[in-house]
Amino acid sequence: MMGALRILIPILAYLLGSIPTAYVVAQWARGIDLRRYGSGTVSGSMVYEHVARWLVIPVGLFDMAKGALPAWLSLRYNLGLETAVVSGLLAIAGHNWPVFLWFTGGRGLGTFMGMLLVIFPWGFPWLLAFLALGFALGDSAPWALIGLLSMPLLARGLGAPLTIYAAIAGMTLLTLLKRL
């Protein structure tokens, strides 16, 4: 059973991550395809800018749940922190490259923040602070990257296990691949 869960949860994590929350909400609320607006990403920030500001809250919460649930299930079934990280990263990959939208998705930050709540809770306010600073300055993308690149300092200061560093490195890599 445990071996099957080690395979099943990460696969389901990618599929859960692939649910294009922002796209569905934009279609429902305004009948628009977010891929045709602004940066073309299917993300909470595009919902905020092009659909309705208040809708960013349910979109953000669902996107966070996409990262939190697979990581939590992995830990709940004693599959280990490594499986939780792999599952969370696959949920982020699903969000960034969703199979349901021909691999055109968001940036994955909300999904990563959900994963952080489960595997490294102190990383959540850390990244949130950088995103808030970027929002206040009018461009959150570079500040999100600074938050990710500086998170290993936080992990070191808190004595986090090496698996947390791997999670941070994986998210940074996914973020860079999405930006390229």
Protein backbone atom coordinates (compact mmCIF):
# COMPACT_ATOMS: atom_id res chain seq x y z
CA MET A 1 0.00 0.00 0.00
CA MET A 2 2.74 2.48 0.96
CA GLY A 3 4.65 1.84 -2.26
CA ALA A 4 1.53 2.50 -4.32
CA LEU A 5 0.86 5.74 -2.41
CA ARG A 6 4.44 6.92 -3.07
CA ILE A 7 3.58 6.77 -6.77
CA LEU A 8 -0.11 7.70 -6.67
CA ILE A 9 0.12 10.87 -4.55
CA PRO A 10 2.77 12.56 -6.75
CA ILE A 11 0.81 11.70 -9.92
CA LEU A 12 -2.40 13.04 -8.41
CA ALA A 13 -0.45 16.10 -7.20
CA TYR A 14 0.45 16.98 -10.79
CA LEU A 15 -3.17 16.54 -11.90
CA LEU A 16 -4.47 18.58 -8.96
CA GLY A 17 -1.90 21.28 -9.73
CA SER A 18 -3.10 21.25 -13.35
CA ILE A 19 -6.57 22.45 -12.40
CA PRO A 20 -6.46 25.97 -13.87
CA THR A 21 -8.27 27.79 -11.08
CA ALA A 22 -7.65 31.29 -12.42
CA TYR A 23 -8.73 30.27 -15.92
CA VAL A 24 -11.96 28.70 -14.67
CA VAL A 25 -12.78 31.71 -12.49
CA ALA A 26 -12.06 34.16 -15.34
CA GLN A 27 -14.30 32.17 -17.67
CA TRP A 28 -17.07 32.00 -15.06
CA ALA A 29 -16.89 35.62 -13.90
CA ARG A 30 -16.21 37.48 -17.15
CA GLY A 31 -16.12 34.95 -19.98
CA ILE A 32 -12.48 35.71 -20.77
CA ASP A 33 -9.39 33.62 -21.48
CA LEU A 34 -6.62 34.95 -19.23
CA ARG A 35 -3.99 33.68 -21.66
CA ARG A 36 -5.00 36.58 -23.95
CA TYR A 37 -4.46 39.31 -21.34
CA GLY A 38 -1.44 40.94 -19.71
CA SER A 39 1.46 38.55 -19.28
CA GLY A 40 -0.61 35.64 -20.59
CA THR A 41 -0.18 33.64 -17.41
CA VAL A 42 -3.10 31.87 -15.84
CA SER A 43 -2.59 33.18 -12.33
CA GLY A 44 -4.16 34.90 -9.38
CA SER A 45 -2.43 38.13 -10.30
CA MET A 46 -4.12 38.10 -13.71
CA VAL A 47 -7.49 37.50 -12.00
CA TYR A 48 -6.72 40.50 -9.79
CA GLU A 49 -5.84 42.70 -12.77
CA HIS A 50 -8.35 41.56 -15.40
CA VAL A 51 -11.34 39.95 -13.69
CA ALA A 52 -12.14 41.16 -10.17
CA ARG A 53 -9.82 42.01 -7.31
CA TRP A 54 -11.84 40.15 -4.69
CA LEU A 55 -11.69 36.92 -6.70
CA VAL A 56 -7.95 36.68 -6.08
CA ILE A 57 -8.78 35.43 -2.57
CA PRO A 58 -10.62 32.21 -3.52
CA VAL A 59 -8.23 31.63 -6.44
CA GLY A 60 -5.22 32.09 -4.16
CA LEU A 61 -6.64 29.82 -1.47
CA PHE A 62 -7.39 27.06 -3.97
CA ASP A 63 -3.95 27.42 -5.57
CA MET A 64 -2.36 27.16 -2.12
CA ALA A 65 -4.45 24.06 -1.38
CA LYS A 66 -3.10 22.47 -4.57
CA GLY A 67 0.38 22.54 -3.03
CA ALA A 68 -0.58 21.90 0.58
CA LEU A 69 -2.82 18.86 0.12
CA PRO A 70 -0.36 16.51 -1.64
CA ALA A 71 2.42 17.46 0.79
CA TRP A 72 0.12 16.96 3.76
CA LEU A 73 -1.14 13.60 2.46
CA SER A 74 2.45 12.44 1.99
CA LEU A 75 3.25 13.28 5.59
CA ARG A 76 -0.10 11.99 6.87
CA TYR A 77 0.58 8.57 5.37
CA ASN A 78 4.17 8.56 6.67
CA LEU A 79 5.69 8.63 3.20
CA GLY A 80 8.41 11.00 4.36
CA LEU A 81 9.40 14.59 3.82
CA GLU A 82 11.04 13.67 0.51
CA THR A 83 7.74 12.40 -0.94
CA ALA A 84 5.98 15.48 0.43
CA VAL A 85 8.49 17.70 -1.39
CA VAL A 86 8.28 15.75 -4.65
CA SER A 87 4.47 15.82 -4.48
CA GLY A 88 4.44 19.55 -3.78
CA LEU A 89 6.87 20.27 -6.59
CA LEU A 90 4.78 18.20 -9.00
CA ALA A 91 1.68 20.17 -7.97
CA ILE A 92 3.63 23.35 -8.77
CA ALA A 93 4.74 21.90 -12.11
CA GLY A 94 1.09 21.08 -12.82
CA HIS A 95 0.11 24.65 -12.00
CA ASN A 96 2.86 26.07 -14.22
CA TRP A 97 2.35 23.61 -17.09
CA PRO A 98 -1.21 22.26 -16.74
CA VAL A 99 -2.16 19.35 -18.93
CA PHE A 100 -5.72 20.75 -19.07
CA LEU A 101 -4.60 23.99 -20.80
CA TRP A 102 -1.98 22.60 -23.15
CA PHE A 103 0.80 23.39 -20.66
CA THR A 104 0.09 27.13 -20.38
CA GLY A 105 -0.33 28.03 -16.73
CA GLY A 106 0.67 30.32 -13.91
CA ARG A 107 3.89 30.99 -12.05
CA GLY A 108 3.30 28.57 -9.17
CA LEU A 109 3.96 30.92 -6.26
CA GLY A 110 0.60 30.35 -4.56
CA THR A 111 1.00 26.59 -4.92
CA PHE A 112 4.52 26.79 -3.52
CA MET A 113 3.26 28.82 -0.59
CA GLY A 114 0.73 26.09 0.16
CA MET A 115 3.48 23.51 0.09
CA LEU A 116 5.58 25.70 2.38
CA LEU A 117 2.78 25.86 4.96
CA VAL A 118 3.07 22.09 5.30
CA ILE A 119 6.78 21.36 4.95
CA PHE A 120 8.45 24.61 6.11
CA PRO A 121 5.90 26.94 7.72
CA TRP A 122 8.40 29.77 8.37
CA GLY A 123 9.00 29.99 4.63
CA PHE A 124 5.40 31.14 4.11
CA PRO A 125 5.65 34.53 5.86
CA TRP A 126 9.16 34.94 4.44
CA LEU A 127 7.97 34.65 0.85
CA LEU A 128 4.77 36.54 1.59
CA ALA A 129 6.81 39.50 2.87
CA PHE A 130 8.82 39.64 -0.36
CA LEU A 131 5.64 39.36 -2.45
CA ALA A 132 4.02 42.17 -0.43
CA LEU A 133 7.08 44.35 -0.94
CA GLY A 134 7.00 43.65 -4.67
CA PHE A 135 3.28 44.40 -4.79
CA ALA A 136 3.86 47.71 -3.01
CA LEU A 137 6.64 48.58 -5.45
CA GLY A 138 4.58 47.57 -8.49
CA ASP A 139 6.44 44.44 -9.63
CA SER A 140 6.29 41.31 -7.50
CA ALA A 141 8.13 38.94 -9.89
CA PRO A 142 11.71 40.02 -9.10
CA TRP A 143 10.88 40.22 -5.39
CA ALA A 144 9.46 36.71 -5.44
CA LEU A 145 12.73 35.51 -6.94
CA ILE A 146 14.72 37.41 -4.29
CA GLY A 147 12.54 35.79 -1.63
CA LEU A 148 13.22 32.33 -3.07
CA LEU A 149 16.95 32.93 -3.48
CA SER A 150 17.26 34.22 0.08
CA MET A 151 15.12 31.50 1.68
CA PRO A 152 18.10 29.17 2.22
CA LEU A 153 19.38 31.77 4.71
CA LEU A 154 16.15 31.41 6.65
CA ALA A 155 16.35 27.62 6.41
CA ARG A 156 19.91 27.65 7.71
CA GLY A 157 19.04 29.99 10.56
CA LEU A 158 16.22 27.65 11.60
CA GLY A 159 18.27 24.46 11.19
CA ALA A 160 16.02 23.03 8.50
CA PRO A 161 16.81 19.57 7.10
CA LEU A 162 18.52 19.26 3.72
CA THR A 163 15.24 18.20 2.12
CA ILE A 164 13.93 21.74 2.67
CA TYR A 165 16.90 23.12 0.74
CA ALA A 166 16.02 20.70 -2.08
CA ALA A 167 12.43 21.99 -2.03
CA ILE A 168 13.63 25.59 -2.23
CA ALA A 169 16.05 24.72 -5.04
CA GLY A 170 13.28 22.87 -6.89
CA MET A 171 10.90 25.82 -6.64
CA THR A 172 13.60 28.24 -7.73
CA LEU A 173 14.33 26.02 -10.72
CA LEU A 174 10.63 25.77 -11.63
CA THR A 175 10.32 29.55 -11.30
CA LEU A 176 13.33 30.17 -13.54
CA LEU A 177 12.12 27.64 -16.12
CA LYS A 178 8.70 29.31 -16.17
CA ARG A 179 10.26 32.75 -16.61
CA LEU A 180 12.44 31.55 -19.49
